[in-house]
C-alpha cells in the first residue's frame, strides 16, 4: 500500500489528537517499518490496520467509524494533492465513474508498483448508481468514507447502502448510492 495513505492517516491523528497520540499509536501498533513512512514508499497494509485499531481503542470509537472518518479526510488530501485529476468533473457520480479507468490509471503512471482497488460503477439514473469495490486489503469502510468525502466536496447528499458480496473477508463490497435531488433555490423563492 502506498505511503500516502499512511502519512495521511498519521496527519489526521496529529491534527485531531496531537503529536503525542501519533507516537502512542505507532508505539502500541509496533509496525515493522518502525512507523516511518514516505508518501511514495510501499508498506504492508496491515500496519495501517493495526494503527487504526490502536487509535480506535484509545479514543473509544469503532474501527468502522474511524475508517470512514479517515476515508472522508483522505478524499480531501487526495484532491489537494492531485487537483488535475478532477478537472472538468462536476459531481460525485462523474468523479466516481472515473476512479477505476482514469484516476487509478494516473496513479499507476505516477507509481507503477501501486495496486489500487478495483472500483466498477454502473449509473442507473441521474440519482442512482451502483459501485462495486474489490480489494484484498478489505478497506470497504475507507471506501465508504471516500464516497462521503466526494459528496461533501461537491456539496451533495448521497445515501449509501452497502452490502458484502459474499466474501467472508470483506474484499468485495457493493455500494448502492442515491443522490438527493438538488434544490433549485430560485424556484423555491419564486
N, C-alpha and C. Protein backbone atom coordinates (compact mmCIF):
# COMPACT_ATOMS: atom_id res chain seq x y z
N UNK A 1 0.86 -1.17 0.00
CA UNK A 1 0.00 0.00 0.00
C UNK A 1 0.90 1.23 0.00
N UNK A 2 0.48 2.24 -0.78
CA UNK A 2 1.29 3.44 -0.91
C UNK A 2 1.35 4.20 0.41
N UNK A 3 2.51 4.78 0.66
CA UNK A 3 2.76 5.52 1.89
C UNK A 3 1.87 6.73 2.07
N UNK A 4 1.33 7.27 0.98
CA UNK A 4 0.44 8.42 1.09
C UNK A 4 -0.72 8.14 2.03
N UNK A 5 -1.23 6.93 2.03
CA UNK A 5 -2.32 6.59 2.94
C UNK A 5 -1.84 6.61 4.40
N UNK A 6 -0.65 6.13 4.62
CA UNK A 6 -0.09 6.11 5.98
C UNK A 6 0.17 7.53 6.48
N UNK A 7 0.81 8.34 5.63
CA UNK A 7 1.13 9.71 6.05
C UNK A 7 -0.15 10.51 6.26
N UNK A 8 -1.17 10.28 5.44
CA UNK A 8 -2.45 10.97 5.61
C UNK A 8 -3.11 10.56 6.93
N UNK A 9 -3.08 9.26 7.22
CA UNK A 9 -3.68 8.80 8.48
C UNK A 9 -2.97 9.43 9.68
N UNK A 10 -1.65 9.41 9.67
CA UNK A 10 -0.90 9.97 10.79
C UNK A 10 -1.10 11.48 10.90
N UNK A 11 -1.26 12.16 9.78
CA UNK A 11 -1.55 13.59 9.80
C UNK A 11 -2.92 13.84 10.42
N UNK A 12 -3.89 13.00 10.07
CA UNK A 12 -5.22 13.10 10.67
C UNK A 12 -5.14 12.93 12.19
N UNK A 13 -4.40 11.92 12.63
CA UNK A 13 -4.26 11.67 14.07
C UNK A 13 -3.61 12.88 14.75
N UNK A 14 -2.55 13.40 14.15
CA UNK A 14 -1.88 14.57 14.74
C UNK A 14 -2.80 15.78 14.80
N UNK A 15 -3.54 16.03 13.72
CA UNK A 15 -4.44 17.18 13.67
C UNK A 15 -5.54 17.07 14.71
N UNK A 16 -6.11 15.89 14.86
CA UNK A 16 -7.25 15.70 15.76
C UNK A 16 -6.85 15.43 17.22
N UNK A 17 -5.72 14.73 17.43
CA UNK A 17 -5.41 14.26 18.78
C UNK A 17 -4.01 14.62 19.27
N UNK A 18 -3.20 15.21 18.42
CA UNK A 18 -1.88 15.68 18.83
C UNK A 18 -0.75 14.71 18.49
N UNK A 19 0.44 15.27 18.49
CA UNK A 19 1.64 14.50 18.15
C UNK A 19 1.92 13.38 19.15
N UNK A 20 1.59 13.60 20.40
CA UNK A 20 1.79 12.56 21.42
C UNK A 20 0.97 11.31 21.09
N UNK A 21 -0.26 11.52 20.59
CA UNK A 21 -1.11 10.39 20.22
C UNK A 21 -0.49 9.65 19.03
N UNK A 22 0.08 10.36 18.08
CA UNK A 22 0.75 9.71 16.95
C UNK A 22 1.84 8.78 17.48
N UNK A 23 2.65 9.29 18.39
CA UNK A 23 3.73 8.48 18.97
C UNK A 23 3.18 7.26 19.69
N UNK A 24 2.10 7.44 20.45
CA UNK A 24 1.49 6.32 21.17
C UNK A 24 0.94 5.26 20.22
N UNK A 25 0.27 5.71 19.17
CA UNK A 25 -0.31 4.78 18.20
C UNK A 25 0.79 3.97 17.53
N UNK A 26 1.85 4.64 17.11
CA UNK A 26 2.97 3.92 16.46
C UNK A 26 3.62 2.96 17.45
N UNK A 27 3.85 3.42 18.67
CA UNK A 27 4.50 2.56 19.68
C UNK A 27 3.65 1.33 19.98
N UNK A 28 2.36 1.52 20.17
CA UNK A 28 1.48 0.40 20.52
C UNK A 28 1.27 -0.56 19.34
N UNK A 29 1.19 -0.02 18.13
CA UNK A 29 0.99 -0.88 16.95
C UNK A 29 2.27 -1.61 16.57
N UNK A 30 3.41 -1.02 16.90
CA UNK A 30 4.74 -1.60 16.62
C UNK A 30 4.87 -2.10 15.18
N UNK A 31 4.67 -1.21 14.19
CA UNK A 31 4.78 -1.65 12.80
C UNK A 31 6.21 -2.05 12.44
N UNK A 32 6.34 -3.01 11.53
CA UNK A 32 7.66 -3.48 11.10
C UNK A 32 8.51 -2.35 10.52
N UNK A 33 7.85 -1.39 9.89
CA UNK A 33 8.57 -0.27 9.27
C UNK A 33 9.11 0.70 10.32
N UNK A 34 8.70 0.53 11.56
CA UNK A 34 9.10 1.44 12.61
C UNK A 34 8.23 2.70 12.65
N UNK A 35 7.22 2.74 11.80
CA UNK A 35 6.33 3.90 11.79
C UNK A 35 6.90 5.07 11.01
N UNK A 36 7.89 4.80 10.19
CA UNK A 36 8.49 5.84 9.36
C UNK A 36 8.01 5.62 7.93
N UNK A 37 7.23 6.58 7.41
CA UNK A 37 6.61 6.43 6.11
C UNK A 37 6.93 7.61 5.21
N UNK A 38 7.07 7.33 3.93
CA UNK A 38 7.15 8.38 2.92
C UNK A 38 5.94 8.21 2.02
N UNK A 39 5.51 9.28 1.39
CA UNK A 39 4.31 9.20 0.56
C UNK A 39 4.49 8.26 -0.62
N UNK A 40 5.72 8.10 -1.11
CA UNK A 40 5.95 7.27 -2.31
C UNK A 40 6.36 5.84 -1.97
N UNK A 41 6.60 5.55 -0.70
CA UNK A 41 7.01 4.20 -0.31
C UNK A 41 5.86 3.22 -0.36
N UNK A 42 6.19 1.94 -0.31
CA UNK A 42 5.20 0.87 -0.22
C UNK A 42 5.32 0.19 1.12
N UNK A 43 4.18 -0.05 1.76
CA UNK A 43 4.18 -0.64 3.09
C UNK A 43 3.06 -1.67 3.19
N UNK A 44 3.21 -2.57 4.12
CA UNK A 44 2.20 -3.60 4.36
C UNK A 44 0.93 -2.92 4.91
N UNK A 45 -0.19 -3.16 4.25
CA UNK A 45 -1.44 -2.52 4.68
C UNK A 45 -1.84 -2.92 6.09
N UNK A 46 -1.33 -4.06 6.57
CA UNK A 46 -1.65 -4.49 7.93
C UNK A 46 -1.10 -3.53 8.97
N UNK A 47 -0.05 -2.78 8.63
CA UNK A 47 0.47 -1.77 9.55
C UNK A 47 -0.56 -0.67 9.76
N UNK A 48 -1.20 -0.24 8.69
CA UNK A 48 -2.24 0.79 8.80
C UNK A 48 -3.42 0.26 9.59
N UNK A 49 -3.83 -0.95 9.29
CA UNK A 49 -4.95 -1.56 10.01
C UNK A 49 -4.65 -1.64 11.50
N UNK A 50 -3.42 -2.02 11.85
CA UNK A 50 -3.04 -2.11 13.27
C UNK A 50 -3.08 -0.74 13.94
N UNK A 51 -2.59 0.29 13.25
CA UNK A 51 -2.60 1.63 13.84
C UNK A 51 -4.03 2.15 14.01
N UNK A 52 -4.90 1.85 13.05
CA UNK A 52 -6.30 2.25 13.17
C UNK A 52 -6.94 1.54 14.36
N UNK A 53 -6.65 0.26 14.54
CA UNK A 53 -7.21 -0.50 15.66
C UNK A 53 -6.72 0.07 17.00
N UNK A 54 -5.45 0.45 17.07
CA UNK A 54 -4.91 1.03 18.31
C UNK A 54 -5.60 2.36 18.61
N UNK A 55 -5.71 3.22 17.59
CA UNK A 55 -6.37 4.51 17.81
C UNK A 55 -7.83 4.31 18.22
N UNK A 56 -8.49 3.35 17.61
CA UNK A 56 -9.88 3.06 17.94
C UNK A 56 -10.04 2.78 19.43
N UNK A 57 -9.16 1.98 19.99
CA UNK A 57 -9.22 1.67 21.43
C UNK A 57 -8.91 2.89 22.28
N UNK A 58 -7.93 3.67 21.84
CA UNK A 58 -7.50 4.82 22.63
C UNK A 58 -8.56 5.92 22.70
N UNK A 59 -9.32 6.10 21.61
CA UNK A 59 -10.30 7.19 21.60
C UNK A 59 -11.74 6.67 21.74
N UNK A 60 -11.87 5.35 21.88
CA UNK A 60 -13.17 4.72 22.09
C UNK A 60 -14.16 5.00 20.95
N UNK A 61 -13.68 4.84 19.73
CA UNK A 61 -14.52 4.91 18.53
C UNK A 61 -14.39 3.58 17.81
N UNK A 62 -15.46 3.11 17.20
CA UNK A 62 -15.37 1.84 16.49
C UNK A 62 -14.39 1.96 15.32
N UNK A 63 -13.79 0.84 14.97
CA UNK A 63 -12.86 0.80 13.84
C UNK A 63 -13.59 1.22 12.57
N UNK A 64 -14.83 0.77 12.39
CA UNK A 64 -15.60 1.12 11.19
C UNK A 64 -15.80 2.63 11.10
N UNK A 65 -16.19 3.24 12.20
CA UNK A 65 -16.41 4.69 12.22
C UNK A 65 -15.11 5.44 11.94
N UNK A 66 -14.05 4.99 12.55
CA UNK A 66 -12.74 5.63 12.35
C UNK A 66 -12.27 5.48 10.91
N UNK A 67 -12.48 4.32 10.32
CA UNK A 67 -12.10 4.11 8.91
C UNK A 67 -12.89 5.03 7.98
N UNK A 68 -14.18 5.18 8.24
CA UNK A 68 -15.00 6.07 7.41
C UNK A 68 -14.53 7.52 7.57
N UNK A 69 -14.24 7.91 8.80
CA UNK A 69 -13.72 9.26 9.05
C UNK A 69 -12.41 9.47 8.30
N UNK A 70 -11.56 8.46 8.34
CA UNK A 70 -10.29 8.54 7.61
C UNK A 70 -10.54 8.66 6.11
N UNK A 71 -11.50 7.92 5.58
CA UNK A 71 -11.82 7.99 4.16
C UNK A 71 -12.25 9.38 3.74
N UNK A 72 -13.09 10.03 4.56
CA UNK A 72 -13.52 11.40 4.26
C UNK A 72 -12.30 12.32 4.23
N UNK A 73 -11.45 12.19 5.23
CA UNK A 73 -10.24 13.01 5.32
C UNK A 73 -9.31 12.73 4.14
N UNK A 74 -9.15 11.46 3.80
CA UNK A 74 -8.26 11.06 2.71
C UNK A 74 -8.73 11.64 1.38
N UNK A 75 -10.02 11.69 1.17
CA UNK A 75 -10.51 12.27 -0.08
C UNK A 75 -10.02 13.70 -0.22
N UNK A 76 -10.17 14.49 0.82
CA UNK A 76 -9.72 15.89 0.78
C UNK A 76 -8.22 15.97 0.53
N UNK A 77 -7.45 15.08 1.15
CA UNK A 77 -6.00 15.06 0.95
C UNK A 77 -5.64 14.72 -0.50
N UNK A 78 -6.32 13.76 -1.08
CA UNK A 78 -6.04 13.36 -2.46
C UNK A 78 -6.39 14.47 -3.44
N UNK A 79 -7.52 15.13 -3.22
CA UNK A 79 -7.92 16.22 -4.10
C UNK A 79 -6.93 17.38 -3.98
N UNK A 80 -6.46 17.65 -2.79
CA UNK A 80 -5.48 18.72 -2.60
C UNK A 80 -4.16 18.38 -3.30
N UNK A 81 -3.78 17.11 -3.26
CA UNK A 81 -2.50 16.69 -3.85
C UNK A 81 -2.59 16.56 -5.37
N UNK A 82 -3.76 16.19 -5.90
CA UNK A 82 -3.90 15.92 -7.33
C UNK A 82 -5.15 16.60 -7.91
N UNK A 83 -5.24 17.92 -7.83
CA UNK A 83 -6.45 18.59 -8.33
C UNK A 83 -6.67 18.40 -9.83
N UNK A 84 -5.60 18.14 -10.56
CA UNK A 84 -5.72 17.96 -12.02
C UNK A 84 -6.55 16.73 -12.37
N UNK A 85 -6.70 15.79 -11.46
CA UNK A 85 -7.46 14.59 -11.74
C UNK A 85 -8.96 14.84 -11.82
N UNK A 86 -9.42 15.94 -11.25
CA UNK A 86 -10.86 16.18 -11.23
C UNK A 86 -11.27 17.37 -12.09
N UNK A 87 -10.35 17.89 -12.87
CA UNK A 87 -10.69 18.98 -13.78
C UNK A 87 -11.84 18.52 -14.67
N UNK A 88 -12.81 19.38 -14.83
CA UNK A 88 -13.98 19.13 -15.69
C UNK A 88 -14.96 18.11 -15.11
N UNK A 89 -14.75 17.66 -13.89
CA UNK A 89 -15.73 16.78 -13.24
C UNK A 89 -16.55 17.65 -12.29
N UNK A 90 -17.87 17.57 -12.40
CA UNK A 90 -18.69 18.50 -11.63
C UNK A 90 -19.69 17.85 -10.67
N UNK A 91 -19.52 16.56 -10.42
CA UNK A 91 -20.41 15.88 -9.48
C UNK A 91 -19.74 14.63 -8.93
N UNK A 92 -20.30 14.15 -7.85
CA UNK A 92 -19.80 12.91 -7.24
C UNK A 92 -19.85 11.75 -8.21
N UNK A 93 -21.00 11.59 -8.87
CA UNK A 93 -21.14 10.46 -9.78
C UNK A 93 -20.14 10.56 -10.93
N UNK A 94 -19.91 11.75 -11.46
CA UNK A 94 -18.95 11.88 -12.56
C UNK A 94 -17.55 11.51 -12.10
N UNK A 95 -17.19 11.89 -10.88
CA UNK A 95 -15.87 11.52 -10.36
C UNK A 95 -15.78 10.03 -10.08
N UNK A 96 -16.77 9.48 -9.41
CA UNK A 96 -16.73 8.06 -9.06
C UNK A 96 -16.65 7.18 -10.30
N UNK A 97 -17.31 7.59 -11.37
CA UNK A 97 -17.25 6.81 -12.62
C UNK A 97 -15.86 6.84 -13.24
N UNK A 98 -15.04 7.81 -12.88
CA UNK A 98 -13.69 7.95 -13.44
C UNK A 98 -12.60 7.30 -12.57
N UNK A 99 -12.96 6.81 -11.41
CA UNK A 99 -11.95 6.28 -10.48
C UNK A 99 -11.17 5.13 -11.09
N UNK A 100 -11.86 4.10 -11.55
CA UNK A 100 -11.16 2.90 -12.00
C UNK A 100 -10.38 3.13 -13.29
N UNK A 101 -11.01 3.69 -14.28
CA UNK A 101 -10.36 3.85 -15.58
C UNK A 101 -9.34 4.97 -15.63
N UNK A 102 -9.73 6.16 -15.17
CA UNK A 102 -8.85 7.32 -15.32
C UNK A 102 -7.96 7.56 -14.09
N UNK A 103 -8.56 7.74 -12.93
CA UNK A 103 -7.78 8.12 -11.74
C UNK A 103 -6.79 7.02 -11.34
N UNK A 104 -7.23 5.78 -11.28
CA UNK A 104 -6.30 4.71 -10.95
C UNK A 104 -5.25 4.53 -12.04
N UNK A 105 -5.60 4.84 -13.27
CA UNK A 105 -4.60 4.83 -14.36
C UNK A 105 -3.53 5.88 -14.12
N UNK A 106 -3.93 7.05 -13.67
CA UNK A 106 -2.97 8.12 -13.35
C UNK A 106 -2.10 7.72 -12.16
N UNK A 107 -2.71 7.06 -11.19
CA UNK A 107 -1.94 6.56 -10.04
C UNK A 107 -0.85 5.60 -10.52
N UNK A 108 -1.23 4.70 -11.42
CA UNK A 108 -0.25 3.71 -11.93
C UNK A 108 0.87 4.38 -12.73
N UNK A 109 0.57 5.50 -13.40
CA UNK A 109 1.62 6.24 -14.12
C UNK A 109 2.62 6.83 -13.13
N UNK A 110 2.10 7.40 -12.05
CA UNK A 110 2.97 8.01 -11.04
C UNK A 110 3.71 6.96 -10.21
N UNK A 111 3.01 5.89 -9.89
CA UNK A 111 3.53 4.85 -9.01
C UNK A 111 3.31 3.49 -9.67
N UNK A 112 4.18 3.07 -10.58
CA UNK A 112 3.97 1.82 -11.33
C UNK A 112 3.77 0.59 -10.44
N UNK A 113 4.28 0.64 -9.21
CA UNK A 113 4.16 -0.51 -8.31
C UNK A 113 2.88 -0.46 -7.47
N UNK A 114 2.04 0.57 -7.67
CA UNK A 114 0.80 0.68 -6.90
C UNK A 114 -0.19 -0.40 -7.34
N UNK A 115 -1.01 -0.82 -6.41
CA UNK A 115 -2.06 -1.80 -6.73
C UNK A 115 -3.38 -1.29 -6.15
N UNK A 116 -3.99 -0.30 -6.83
CA UNK A 116 -5.25 0.25 -6.31
C UNK A 116 -6.37 -0.77 -6.39
N UNK A 117 -7.39 -0.56 -5.58
CA UNK A 117 -8.54 -1.48 -5.64
C UNK A 117 -9.28 -1.33 -6.95
N UNK A 118 -10.12 -2.29 -7.25
CA UNK A 118 -11.00 -2.22 -8.41
C UNK A 118 -12.29 -1.52 -7.98
N UNK A 119 -12.71 -0.55 -8.77
CA UNK A 119 -13.93 0.19 -8.49
C UNK A 119 -14.73 0.26 -9.79
N UNK A 120 -15.80 -0.49 -9.87
CA UNK A 120 -16.63 -0.53 -11.07
C UNK A 120 -17.97 0.14 -10.78
N UNK A 121 -18.31 1.13 -11.60
CA UNK A 121 -19.55 1.88 -11.40
C UNK A 121 -20.54 1.63 -12.53
N UNK A 122 -21.79 1.52 -12.14
CA UNK A 122 -22.89 1.46 -13.09
C UNK A 122 -23.89 2.52 -12.67
N UNK A 123 -24.07 3.54 -13.51
CA UNK A 123 -25.02 4.59 -13.20
C UNK A 123 -26.36 4.23 -13.81
N UNK A 124 -27.39 4.11 -12.96
CA UNK A 124 -28.72 3.72 -13.41
C UNK A 124 -29.58 4.91 -13.80
N UNK A 125 -29.31 6.03 -13.17
CA UNK A 125 -30.07 7.25 -13.47
C UNK A 125 -29.24 8.43 -12.97
N UNK A 126 -29.78 9.62 -13.06
CA UNK A 126 -29.05 10.79 -12.56
C UNK A 126 -28.89 10.74 -11.05
N UNK A 127 -29.70 9.95 -10.37
CA UNK A 127 -29.66 9.92 -8.91
C UNK A 127 -29.33 8.55 -8.31
N UNK A 128 -29.09 7.54 -9.13
CA UNK A 128 -28.80 6.20 -8.61
C UNK A 128 -27.59 5.59 -9.30
N UNK A 129 -26.71 5.02 -8.49
CA UNK A 129 -25.51 4.38 -9.02
C UNK A 129 -25.14 3.18 -8.15
N UNK A 130 -24.56 2.18 -8.79
CA UNK A 130 -24.00 1.03 -8.09
C UNK A 130 -22.49 1.11 -8.25
N UNK A 131 -21.79 0.86 -7.15
CA UNK A 131 -20.34 0.84 -7.19
C UNK A 131 -19.88 -0.47 -6.55
N UNK A 132 -19.08 -1.24 -7.29
CA UNK A 132 -18.53 -2.49 -6.78
C UNK A 132 -17.06 -2.24 -6.44
N UNK A 133 -16.72 -2.45 -5.19
CA UNK A 133 -15.36 -2.26 -4.68
C UNK A 133 -14.75 -3.63 -4.42
N UNK A 134 -13.56 -3.87 -4.97
CA UNK A 134 -12.86 -5.13 -4.71
C UNK A 134 -11.40 -4.84 -4.39
N UNK A 135 -10.95 -5.39 -3.27
CA UNK A 135 -9.57 -5.21 -2.86
C UNK A 135 -9.20 -6.28 -1.85
N UNK A 136 -8.02 -6.86 -1.98
CA UNK A 136 -7.59 -7.83 -0.97
C UNK A 136 -7.28 -7.17 0.37
N UNK A 137 -7.21 -5.84 0.39
CA UNK A 137 -6.90 -5.13 1.63
C UNK A 137 -8.14 -4.89 2.50
N UNK A 138 -9.32 -5.20 1.98
CA UNK A 138 -10.56 -5.16 2.76
C UNK A 138 -10.77 -3.82 3.48
N UNK A 139 -10.74 -2.74 2.73
CA UNK A 139 -10.89 -1.42 3.32
C UNK A 139 -12.20 -0.77 2.86
N UNK A 140 -13.28 -1.54 2.90
CA UNK A 140 -14.58 -1.04 2.46
C UNK A 140 -15.06 0.15 3.25
N UNK A 141 -14.74 0.20 4.55
CA UNK A 141 -15.15 1.36 5.35
C UNK A 141 -14.43 2.63 4.88
N UNK A 142 -13.16 2.50 4.53
CA UNK A 142 -12.42 3.65 3.99
C UNK A 142 -13.03 4.05 2.65
N UNK A 143 -13.38 3.07 1.81
CA UNK A 143 -14.02 3.37 0.53
C UNK A 143 -15.32 4.13 0.75
N UNK A 144 -16.10 3.71 1.73
CA UNK A 144 -17.35 4.42 2.03
C UNK A 144 -17.05 5.85 2.47
N UNK A 145 -16.03 6.03 3.28
CA UNK A 145 -15.64 7.38 3.68
C UNK A 145 -15.21 8.22 2.50
N UNK A 146 -14.48 7.60 1.55
CA UNK A 146 -14.09 8.33 0.34
C UNK A 146 -15.32 8.78 -0.45
N UNK A 147 -16.33 7.93 -0.53
CA UNK A 147 -17.58 8.29 -1.21
C UNK A 147 -18.21 9.50 -0.50
N UNK A 148 -18.28 9.44 0.81
CA UNK A 148 -18.88 10.53 1.58
C UNK A 148 -18.05 11.81 1.46
N UNK A 149 -16.72 11.67 1.42
CA UNK A 149 -15.85 12.82 1.21
C UNK A 149 -16.07 13.44 -0.15
N UNK A 150 -16.26 12.60 -1.14
CA UNK A 150 -16.54 13.06 -2.50
C UNK A 150 -17.85 13.85 -2.52
N UNK A 151 -18.88 13.32 -1.90
CA UNK A 151 -20.17 14.01 -1.85
C UNK A 151 -20.03 15.36 -1.14
N UNK A 152 -19.29 15.39 -0.05
CA UNK A 152 -19.08 16.65 0.68
C UNK A 152 -18.35 17.66 -0.19
N UNK A 153 -17.37 17.20 -0.94
CA UNK A 153 -16.61 18.09 -1.82
C UNK A 153 -17.53 18.76 -2.84
N UNK A 154 -18.45 18.00 -3.41
CA UNK A 154 -19.37 18.54 -4.40
C UNK A 154 -20.65 19.10 -3.78
N UNK A 155 -20.69 19.16 -2.45
CA UNK A 155 -21.83 19.68 -1.70
C UNK A 155 -23.12 18.96 -2.10
N UNK A 156 -23.01 17.65 -2.15
CA UNK A 156 -24.15 16.80 -2.48
C UNK A 156 -24.47 15.89 -1.30
N UNK A 157 -25.70 15.46 -1.22
CA UNK A 157 -26.10 14.50 -0.19
C UNK A 157 -26.31 13.15 -0.87
N UNK A 158 -25.53 12.18 -0.44
CA UNK A 158 -25.63 10.83 -1.00
C UNK A 158 -25.96 9.86 0.12
N UNK A 159 -26.97 9.04 -0.12
CA UNK A 159 -27.29 7.95 0.80
C UNK A 159 -26.54 6.72 0.30
N UNK A 160 -25.84 6.05 1.22
CA UNK A 160 -25.04 4.88 0.86
C UNK A 160 -25.64 3.65 1.52
N UNK A 161 -26.02 2.68 0.69
CA UNK A 161 -26.44 1.37 1.19
C UNK A 161 -25.35 0.40 0.75
N UNK A 162 -24.85 -0.36 1.68
CA UNK A 162 -23.68 -1.19 1.42
C UNK A 162 -23.95 -2.64 1.82
N UNK A 163 -23.43 -3.55 0.99
CA UNK A 163 -23.56 -4.97 1.33
C UNK A 163 -22.32 -5.72 0.88
N UNK A 164 -21.98 -6.72 1.65
CA UNK A 164 -20.88 -7.60 1.28
C UNK A 164 -21.34 -8.48 0.13
N UNK A 165 -20.43 -8.82 -0.74
CA UNK A 165 -20.79 -9.66 -1.88
C UNK A 165 -20.40 -11.11 -1.64
N UNK A 166 -20.65 -11.59 -0.43
CA UNK A 166 -20.48 -12.99 -0.13
C UNK A 166 -19.09 -13.42 0.25
N UNK A 167 -18.16 -12.51 0.29
CA UNK A 167 -16.79 -12.84 0.65
C UNK A 167 -16.63 -12.61 2.15
N UNK A 168 -16.33 -13.63 2.89
CA UNK A 168 -16.23 -13.50 4.34
C UNK A 168 -15.08 -12.59 4.76
N UNK A 169 -14.16 -12.31 3.86
CA UNK A 169 -13.03 -11.44 4.18
C UNK A 169 -13.33 -9.97 3.90
N UNK A 170 -14.48 -9.66 3.33
CA UNK A 170 -14.86 -8.28 3.06
C UNK A 170 -14.09 -7.64 1.92
N UNK A 171 -13.58 -8.46 1.02
CA UNK A 171 -12.77 -7.90 -0.06
C UNK A 171 -13.61 -7.46 -1.25
N UNK A 172 -14.90 -7.75 -1.23
CA UNK A 172 -15.77 -7.35 -2.33
C UNK A 172 -17.06 -6.79 -1.74
N UNK A 173 -17.33 -5.52 -2.04
CA UNK A 173 -18.49 -4.84 -1.47
C UNK A 173 -19.28 -4.15 -2.57
N UNK A 174 -20.57 -4.09 -2.36
CA UNK A 174 -21.47 -3.40 -3.29
C UNK A 174 -22.04 -2.18 -2.58
N UNK A 175 -21.88 -1.03 -3.20
CA UNK A 175 -22.43 0.21 -2.67
C UNK A 175 -23.54 0.67 -3.61
N UNK A 176 -24.72 0.89 -3.07
CA UNK A 176 -25.81 1.49 -3.83
C UNK A 176 -25.91 2.94 -3.37
N UNK A 177 -25.72 3.85 -4.29
CA UNK A 177 -25.66 5.27 -3.97
C UNK A 177 -26.89 5.96 -4.52
N UNK A 178 -27.52 6.75 -3.67
CA UNK A 178 -28.67 7.54 -4.08
C UNK A 178 -28.37 8.99 -3.80
N UNK A 179 -28.41 9.78 -4.84
CA UNK A 179 -28.12 11.20 -4.75
C UNK A 179 -29.43 11.94 -4.50
N UNK A 180 -29.46 12.74 -3.43
CA UNK A 180 -30.64 13.54 -3.15
C UNK A 180 -30.74 14.62 -4.22
N UNK A 181 -31.94 14.84 -4.73
CA UNK A 181 -32.08 15.88 -5.76
C UNK A 181 -31.67 17.24 -5.19
N UNK A 182 -31.00 18.03 -6.04
CA UNK A 182 -30.60 19.36 -5.58
C UNK A 182 -31.81 20.27 -5.59
N UNK A 183 -31.79 21.21 -4.68
CA UNK A 183 -32.91 22.14 -4.56
C UNK A 183 -32.58 23.37 -5.42
N UNK A 184 -33.47 23.68 -6.31
CA UNK A 184 -33.32 24.88 -7.12
C UNK A 184 -33.83 26.04 -6.30
N UNK A 185 -32.91 26.77 -5.67
CA UNK A 185 -33.29 27.85 -4.75
C UNK A 185 -34.11 28.93 -5.44
N UNK A 186 -33.82 29.23 -6.70
CA UNK A 186 -34.57 30.27 -7.42
C UNK A 186 -36.05 29.85 -7.55
N UNK A 187 -36.28 28.56 -7.82
CA UNK A 187 -37.65 28.08 -7.95
C UNK A 187 -38.37 28.10 -6.61
N UNK A 188 -37.65 27.79 -5.52
CA UNK A 188 -38.25 27.78 -4.19
C UNK A 188 -38.65 29.19 -3.76
N UNK A 189 -37.79 30.17 -4.09
CA UNK A 189 -38.04 31.55 -3.69
C UNK A 189 -39.14 32.21 -4.51
N UNK A 190 -39.45 31.68 -5.68
CA UNK A 190 -40.45 32.31 -6.57
C UNK A 190 -41.86 32.13 -6.10
